[in-house]
Amino acid sequence: MPTLEDLKGYMERATGLKRPGKRKAVDLARARKPVTVRFKDDGLIPNHPRWPLVLYRNAVAFDEDLDAAA
């Protein structure tokens, strides 16, 4: 038996509630400079010697009425 959260999820997918439209989604994206992070090789986790982790902080501005996960 589905839970209340499952039913809410089905309704949001079916109706598009709390999701931005195509034009609105483009407007939510912001230009940001990348932040690169390099990790030392600890021998446990393989790291590529030339490719850093790249982060774009706050690249999307969400409205309060939108669900960030949607």
PDB file of N, CA and C in Angstrom:
ATOM      1  N   MET A   1       0.848  -1.181   0.000  1.00  0.00           N
ATOM      2  CA  MET A   1       0.000   0.000   0.000  1.00  0.00           C
ATOM      3  C   MET A   1       0.889   1.238   0.000  1.00  0.00           C
ATOM      4  N   PRO A   2       0.650   2.166  -0.931  1.00  0.00           N
ATOM      5  CA  PRO A   2       1.493   3.363  -0.988  1.00  0.00           C
ATOM      6  C   PRO A   2       1.272   4.267   0.222  1.00  0.00           C
ATOM      7  N   THR A   3       2.339   4.914   0.600  1.00  0.00           N
ATOM      8  CA  THR A   3       2.246   5.855   1.715  1.00  0.00           C
ATOM      9  C   THR A   3       1.767   7.215   1.215  1.00  0.00           C
ATOM     10  N   LEU A   4       1.511   8.104   2.131  1.00  0.00           N
ATOM     11  CA  LEU A   4       1.067   9.441   1.771  1.00  0.00           C
ATOM     12  C   LEU A   4       2.129  10.154   0.929  1.00  0.00           C
ATOM     13  N   GLU A   5       3.396   9.989   1.271  1.00  0.00           N
ATOM     14  CA  GLU A   5       4.469  10.634   0.514  1.00  0.00           C
ATOM     15  C   GLU A   5       4.535  10.084  -0.913  1.00  0.00           C
ATOM     16  N   ASP A   6       4.299   8.778  -1.089  1.00  0.00           N
ATOM     17  CA  ASP A   6       4.265   8.205  -2.430  1.00  0.00           C
ATOM     18  C   ASP A   6       3.137   8.810  -3.248  1.00  0.00           C
ATOM     19  N   LEU A   7       1.971   8.930  -2.640  1.00  0.00           N
ATOM     20  CA  LEU A   7       0.820   9.514  -3.342  1.00  0.00           C
ATOM     21  C   LEU A   7       1.072  10.971  -3.717  1.00  0.00           C
ATOM     22  N   LYS A   8       1.698  11.723  -2.800  1.00  0.00           N
ATOM     23  CA  LYS A   8       2.033  13.110  -3.112  1.00  0.00           C
ATOM     24  C   LYS A   8       3.016  13.180  -4.276  1.00  0.00           C
ATOM     25  N   GLY A   9       3.986  12.265  -4.297  1.00  0.00           N
ATOM     26  CA  GLY A   9       4.954  12.233  -5.390  1.00  0.00           C
ATOM     27  C   GLY A   9       4.302  11.912  -6.723  1.00  0.00           C
ATOM     28  N   TYR A  10       3.370  10.979  -6.722  1.00  0.00           N
ATOM     29  CA  TYR A  10       2.651  10.634  -7.959  1.00  0.00           C
ATOM     30  C   TYR A  10       1.860  11.836  -8.476  1.00  0.00           C
ATOM     31  N   MET A  11       1.197  12.540  -7.575  1.00  0.00           N
ATOM     32  CA  MET A  11       0.401  13.702  -7.974  1.00  0.00           C
ATOM     33  C   MET A  11       1.288  14.826  -8.514  1.00  0.00           C
ATOM     34  N   GLU A  12       2.433  15.049  -7.887  1.00  0.00           N
ATOM     35  CA  GLU A  12       3.327  16.101  -8.363  1.00  0.00           C
ATOM     36  C   GLU A  12       3.867  15.772  -9.741  1.00  0.00           C
ATOM     37  N   ARG A  13       4.203  14.506  -9.988  1.00  0.00           N
ATOM     38  CA  ARG A  13       4.695  14.121 -11.316  1.00  0.00           C
ATOM     39  C   ARG A  13       3.593  14.225 -12.362  1.00  0.00           C
ATOM     40  N   ALA A  14       2.385  13.850 -11.990  1.00  0.00           N
ATOM     41  CA  ALA A  14       1.269  13.873 -12.937  1.00  0.00           C
ATOM     42  C   ALA A  14       0.837  15.298 -13.281  1.00  0.00           C
ATOM     43  N   THR A  15       0.854  16.195 -12.301  1.00  0.00           N
ATOM     44  CA  THR A  15       0.348  17.549 -12.517  1.00  0.00           C
ATOM     45  C   THR A  15       1.447  18.567 -12.788  1.00  0.00           C
ATOM     46  N   GLY A  16       2.699  18.240 -12.473  1.00  0.00           N
ATOM     47  CA  GLY A  16       3.783  19.196 -12.664  1.00  0.00           C
ATOM     48  C   GLY A  16       3.891  20.226 -11.560  1.00  0.00           C
ATOM     49  N   LEU A  17       3.204  20.003 -10.442  1.00  0.00           N
ATOM     50  CA  LEU A  17       3.286  20.946  -9.331  1.00  0.00           C
ATOM     51  C   LEU A  17       4.701  20.992  -8.769  1.00  0.00           C
ATOM     52  N   LYS A  18       5.098  22.166  -8.339  1.00  0.00           N
ATOM     53  CA  LYS A  18       6.408  22.413  -7.728  1.00  0.00           C
ATOM     54  C   LYS A  18       7.569  22.153  -8.681  1.00  0.00           C
ATOM     55  N   ARG A  19       7.308  22.136  -9.978  1.00  0.00           N
ATOM     56  CA  ARG A  19       8.373  22.006 -10.964  1.00  0.00           C
ATOM     57  C   ARG A  19       8.347  23.233 -11.860  1.00  0.00           C
ATOM     58  N   PRO A  20       9.513  23.769 -12.187  1.00  0.00           N
ATOM     59  CA  PRO A  20       9.514  24.930 -13.088  1.00  0.00           C
ATOM     60  C   PRO A  20       9.243  24.488 -14.518  1.00  0.00           C
ATOM     61  N   GLY A  21       8.655  25.380 -15.301  1.00  0.00           N
ATOM     62  CA  GLY A  21       8.493  25.135 -16.727  1.00  0.00           C
ATOM     63  C   GLY A  21       9.833  25.273 -17.427  1.00  0.00           C
ATOM     64  N   LYS A  22       9.853  24.993 -18.722  1.00  0.00           N
ATOM     65  CA  LYS A  22      11.128  25.051 -19.461  1.00  0.00           C
ATOM     66  C   LYS A  22      11.728  26.451 -19.453  1.00  0.00           C
ATOM     67  N   ARG A  23      10.921  27.456 -19.669  1.00  0.00           N
ATOM     68  CA  ARG A  23      11.445  28.831 -19.679  1.00  0.00           C
ATOM     69  C   ARG A  23      11.878  29.269 -18.282  1.00  0.00           C
ATOM     70  N   LYS A  24      11.109  28.883 -17.281  1.00  0.00           N
ATOM     71  CA  LYS A  24      11.448  29.248 -15.903  1.00  0.00           C
ATOM     72  C   LYS A  24      12.735  28.553 -15.467  1.00  0.00           C
ATOM     73  N   ALA A  25      12.942  27.312 -15.892  1.00  0.00           N
ATOM     74  CA  ALA A  25      14.152  26.574 -15.517  1.00  0.00           C
ATOM     75  C   ALA A  25      15.400  27.260 -16.067  1.00  0.00           C
ATOM     76  N   VAL A  26      15.315  27.789 -17.265  1.00  0.00           N
ATOM     77  CA  VAL A  26      16.464  28.500 -17.846  1.00  0.00           C
ATOM     78  C   VAL A  26      16.752  29.768 -17.055  1.00  0.00           C
ATOM     79  N   ASP A  27      15.711  30.434 -16.596  1.00  0.00           N
ATOM     80  CA  ASP A  27      15.901  31.663 -15.822  1.00  0.00           C
ATOM     81  C   ASP A  27      16.502  31.405 -14.443  1.00  0.00           C
ATOM     82  N   LEU A  28      16.317  30.200 -13.913  1.00  0.00           N
ATOM     83  CA  LEU A  28      16.847  29.885 -12.585  1.00  0.00           C
ATOM     84  C   LEU A  28      18.360  29.654 -12.591  1.00  0.00           C
ATOM     85  N   ALA A  29      18.919  29.294 -13.737  1.00  0.00           N
ATOM     86  CA  ALA A  29      20.364  29.033 -13.822  1.00  0.00           C
ATOM     87  C   ALA A  29      21.139  30.346 -13.774  1.00  0.00           C
ATOM     88  N   ARG A  30      22.258  30.337 -13.028  1.00  0.00           N
ATOM     89  CA  ARG A  30      23.100  31.529 -12.903  1.00  0.00           C
ATOM     90  C   ARG A  30      24.519  31.192 -13.327  1.00  0.00           C
ATOM     91  N   ALA A  31      25.189  32.152 -13.925  1.00  0.00           N
ATOM     92  CA  ALA A  31      26.587  31.964 -14.313  1.00  0.00           C
ATOM     93  C   ALA A  31      27.462  32.033 -13.060  1.00  0.00           C
ATOM     94  N   ARG A  32      28.298  31.054 -12.874  1.00  0.00           N
ATOM     95  CA  ARG A  32      29.188  30.994 -11.718  1.00  0.00           C
ATOM     96  C   ARG A  32      30.569  30.566 -12.155  1.00  0.00           C
ATOM     97  N   LYS A  33      31.574  30.999 -11.408  1.00  0.00           N
ATOM     98  CA  LYS A  33      32.936  30.537 -11.651  1.00  0.00           C
ATOM     99  C   LYS A  33      33.133  29.203 -10.945  1.00  0.00           C
ATOM    100  N   PRO A  34      33.828  28.284 -11.583  1.00  0.00           N
ATOM    101  CA  PRO A  34      34.039  26.994 -10.930  1.00  0.00           C
ATOM    102  C   PRO A  34      35.082  27.088  -9.821  1.00  0.00           C
ATOM    103  N   VAL A  35      34.881  26.282  -8.798  1.00  0.00           N
ATOM    104  CA  VAL A  35      35.853  26.125  -7.711  1.00  0.00           C
ATOM    105  C   VAL A  35      36.451  24.735  -7.883  1.00  0.00           C
ATOM    106  N   THR A  36      37.760  24.658  -7.997  1.00  0.00           N
ATOM    107  CA  THR A  36      38.405  23.361  -8.181  1.00  0.00           C
ATOM    108  C   THR A  36      39.085  22.932  -6.886  1.00  0.00           C
ATOM    109  N   VAL A  37      39.006  21.645  -6.612  1.00  0.00           N
ATOM    110  CA  VAL A  37      39.593  21.077  -5.402  1.00  0.00           C
ATOM    111  C   VAL A  37      40.437  19.875  -5.809  1.00  0.00           C
ATOM    112  N   ARG A  38      41.660  19.844  -5.349  1.00  0.00           N
ATOM    113  CA  ARG A  38      42.539  18.703  -5.606  1.00  0.00           C
ATOM    114  C   ARG A  38      42.818  17.999  -4.283  1.00  0.00           C
ATOM    115  N   PHE A  39      42.801  16.680  -4.334  1.00  0.00           N
ATOM    116  CA  PHE A  39      43.047  15.871  -3.151  1.00  0.00           C
ATOM    117  C   PHE A  39      44.404  15.190  -3.257  1.00  0.00           C
ATOM    118  N   LYS A  40      45.072  15.073  -2.127  1.00  0.00           N
ATOM    119  CA  LYS A  40      46.312  14.316  -2.106  1.00  0.00           C
ATOM    120  C   LYS A  40      45.997  12.840  -2.242  1.00  0.00           C
ATOM    121  N   ASP A  41      46.899  12.095  -2.853  1.00  0.00           N
ATOM    122  CA  ASP A  41      46.713  10.659  -2.991  1.00  0.00           C
ATOM    123  C   ASP A  41      46.960  10.006  -1.639  1.00  0.00           C
ATOM    124  N   ASP A  42      45.907   9.376  -1.101  1.00  0.00           N
ATOM    125  CA  ASP A  42      46.053   8.707   0.187  1.00  0.00           C
ATOM    126  C   ASP A  42      46.245   7.204   0.037  1.00  0.00           C
ATOM    127  N   GLY A  43      46.214   6.713  -1.189  1.00  0.00           N
ATOM    128  CA  GLY A  43      46.413   5.297  -1.441  1.00  0.00           C
ATOM    129  C   GLY A  43      45.138   4.473  -1.352  1.00  0.00           C
ATOM    130  N   LEU A  44      44.070   5.033  -0.808  1.00  0.00           N
ATOM    131  CA  LEU A  44      42.817   4.297  -0.671  1.00  0.00           C
ATOM    132  C   LEU A  44      41.836   4.589  -1.799  1.00  0.00           C
ATOM    133  N   ILE A  45      41.664   5.861  -2.111  1.00  0.00           N
ATOM    134  CA  ILE A  45      40.717   6.272  -3.147  1.00  0.00           C
ATOM    135  C   ILE A  45      41.514   6.767  -4.341  1.00  0.00           C
ATOM    136  N   PRO A  46      41.256   6.208  -5.527  1.00  0.00           N
ATOM    137  CA  PRO A  46      42.020   6.655  -6.695  1.00  0.00           C
ATOM    138  C   PRO A  46      41.613   8.074  -7.105  1.00  0.00           C
ATOM    139  N   ASN A  47      42.580   8.917  -7.283  1.00  0.00           N
ATOM    140  CA  ASN A  47      42.380  10.285  -7.755  1.00  0.00           C
ATOM    141  C   ASN A  47      43.132  10.455  -9.057  1.00  0.00           C
ATOM    142  N   HIS A  48      42.522  11.164  -9.987  1.00  0.00           N
ATOM    143  CA  HIS A  48      43.213  11.425 -11.248  1.00  0.00           C
ATOM    144  C   HIS A  48      44.228  12.537 -11.000  1.00  0.00           C
ATOM    145  N   PRO A  49      45.455  12.380 -11.471  1.00  0.00           N
ATOM    146  CA  PRO A  49      46.486  13.380 -11.158  1.00  0.00           C
ATOM    147  C   PRO A  49      46.251  14.734 -11.824  1.00  0.00           C
ATOM    148  N   ARG A  50      45.482  14.784 -12.926  1.00  0.00           N
ATOM    149  CA  ARG A  50      45.279  16.056 -13.622  1.00  0.00           C
ATOM    150  C   ARG A  50      43.868  16.611 -13.502  1.00  0.00           C
ATOM    151  N   TRP A  51      42.884  15.796 -13.179  1.00  0.00           N
ATOM    152  CA  TRP A  51      41.500  16.247 -13.168  1.00  0.00           C
ATOM    153  C   TRP A  51      41.026  16.509 -11.744  1.00  0.00           C
ATOM    154  N   PRO A  52      40.750  17.766 -11.395  1.00  0.00           N
ATOM    155  CA  PRO A  52      40.292  18.080 -10.043  1.00  0.00           C
ATOM    156  C   PRO A  52      38.776  17.890  -9.918  1.00  0.00           C
ATOM    157  N   LEU A  53      38.291  17.950  -8.709  1.00  0.00           N
ATOM    158  CA  LEU A  53      36.858  18.021  -8.458  1.00  0.00           C
ATOM    159  C   LEU A  53      36.435  19.449  -8.777  1.00  0.00           C
ATOM    160  N   VAL A  54      35.373  19.614  -9.558  1.00  0.00           N
ATOM    161  CA  VAL A  54      34.905  20.941  -9.957  1.00  0.00           C
ATOM    162  C   VAL A  54      33.536  21.188  -9.329  1.00  0.00           C
ATOM    163  N   LEU A  55      33.413  22.302  -8.605  1.00  0.00           N
ATOM    164  CA  LEU A  55      32.161  22.677  -7.952  1.00  0.00           C
ATOM    165  C   LEU A  55      31.667  24.005  -8.515  1.00  0.00           C
ATOM    166  N   TYR A  56      30.374  24.083  -8.748  1.00  0.00           N
ATOM    167  CA  TYR A  56      29.724  25.341  -9.113  1.00  0.00           C
ATOM    168  C   TYR A  56      28.754  25.656  -7.979  1.00  0.00           C
ATOM    169  N   ARG A  57      29.146  26.521  -7.080  1.00  0.00           N
ATOM    170  CA  ARG A  57      28.333  26.829  -5.908  1.00  0.00           C
ATOM    171  C   ARG A  57      27.175  27.760  -6.290  1.00  0.00           C
ATOM    172  N   ASN A  58      25.998  27.434  -5.794  1.00  0.00           N
ATOM    173  CA  ASN A  58      24.789  28.236  -6.025  1.00  0.00           C
ATOM    174  C   ASN A  58      24.546  28.495  -7.510  1.00  0.00           C
ATOM    175  N   ALA A  59      24.672  27.467  -8.324  1.00  0.00           N
ATOM    176  CA  ALA A  59      24.486  27.611  -9.764  1.00  0.00           C
ATOM    177  C   ALA A  59      23.016  27.744 -10.148  1.00  0.00           C
ATOM    178  N   VAL A  60      22.136  27.320  -9.256  1.00  0.00           N
ATOM    179  CA  VAL A  60      20.697  27.407  -9.526  1.00  0.00           C
ATOM    180  C   VAL A  60      20.024  28.126  -8.369  1.00  0.00           C
ATOM    181  N   ALA A  61      19.208  29.127  -8.684  1.00  0.00           N
ATOM    182  CA  ALA A  61      18.479  29.875  -7.669  1.00  0.00           C
ATOM    183  C   ALA A  61      17.049  29.357  -7.641  1.00  0.00           C
ATOM    184  N   PHE A  62      16.680  28.678  -6.553  1.00  0.00           N
ATOM    185  CA  PHE A  62      15.340  28.124  -6.439  1.00  0.00           C
ATOM    186  C   PHE A  62      14.405  29.101  -5.738  1.00  0.00           C
ATOM    187  N   ASP A  63      13.186  29.171  -6.248  1.00  0.00           N
ATOM    188  CA  ASP A  63      12.146  29.929  -5.566  1.00  0.00           C
ATOM    189  C   ASP A  63      11.659  29.106  -4.394  1.00  0.00           C
ATOM    190  N   GLU A  64      11.028  29.761  -3.435  1.00  0.00           N
ATOM    191  CA  GLU A  64      10.525  29.048  -2.274  1.00  0.00           C
ATOM    192  C   GLU A  64       9.381  28.097  -2.619  1.00  0.00           C
ATOM    193  N   ASP A  65       8.641  28.419  -3.690  1.00  0.00           N
ATOM    194  CA  ASP A  65       7.491  27.581  -4.050  1.00  0.00           C
ATOM    195  C   ASP A  65       7.870  26.384  -4.906  1.00  0.00           C
ATOM    196  N   LEU A  66       9.163  26.253  -5.279  1.00  0.00           N
ATOM    197  CA  LEU A  66       9.614  25.119  -6.095  1.00  0.00           C
ATOM    198  C   LEU A  66      10.325  24.099  -5.229  1.00  0.00           C
ATOM    199  N   ASP A  67      10.187  22.852  -5.595  1.00  0.00           N
ATOM    200  CA  ASP A  67      10.860  21.760  -4.894  1.00  0.00           C
ATOM    201  C   ASP A  67      12.214  21.551  -5.566  1.00  0.00           C
ATOM    202  N   ALA A  68      13.302  21.714  -4.842  1.00  0.00           N
ATOM    203  CA  ALA A  68      14.652  21.583  -5.414  1.00  0.00           C
ATOM    204  C   ALA A  68      14.909  20.185  -5.938  1.00  0.00           C
ATOM    205  N   ALA A  69      14.337  19.175  -5.323  1.00  0.00           N
ATOM    206  CA  ALA A  69      14.541  17.801  -5.765  1.00  0.00           C
ATOM    207  C   ALA A  69      13.767  17.485  -7.032  1.00  0.00           C
ATOM    208  N   ALA A  70      12.705  18.229  -7.301  1.00  0.00           N
ATOM    209  CA  ALA A  70      11.904  17.955  -8.497  1.00  0.00           C
ATOM    210  C   ALA A  70      12.617  18.478  -9.708  1.00  0.00           C
TER     211      ALA A  70
END
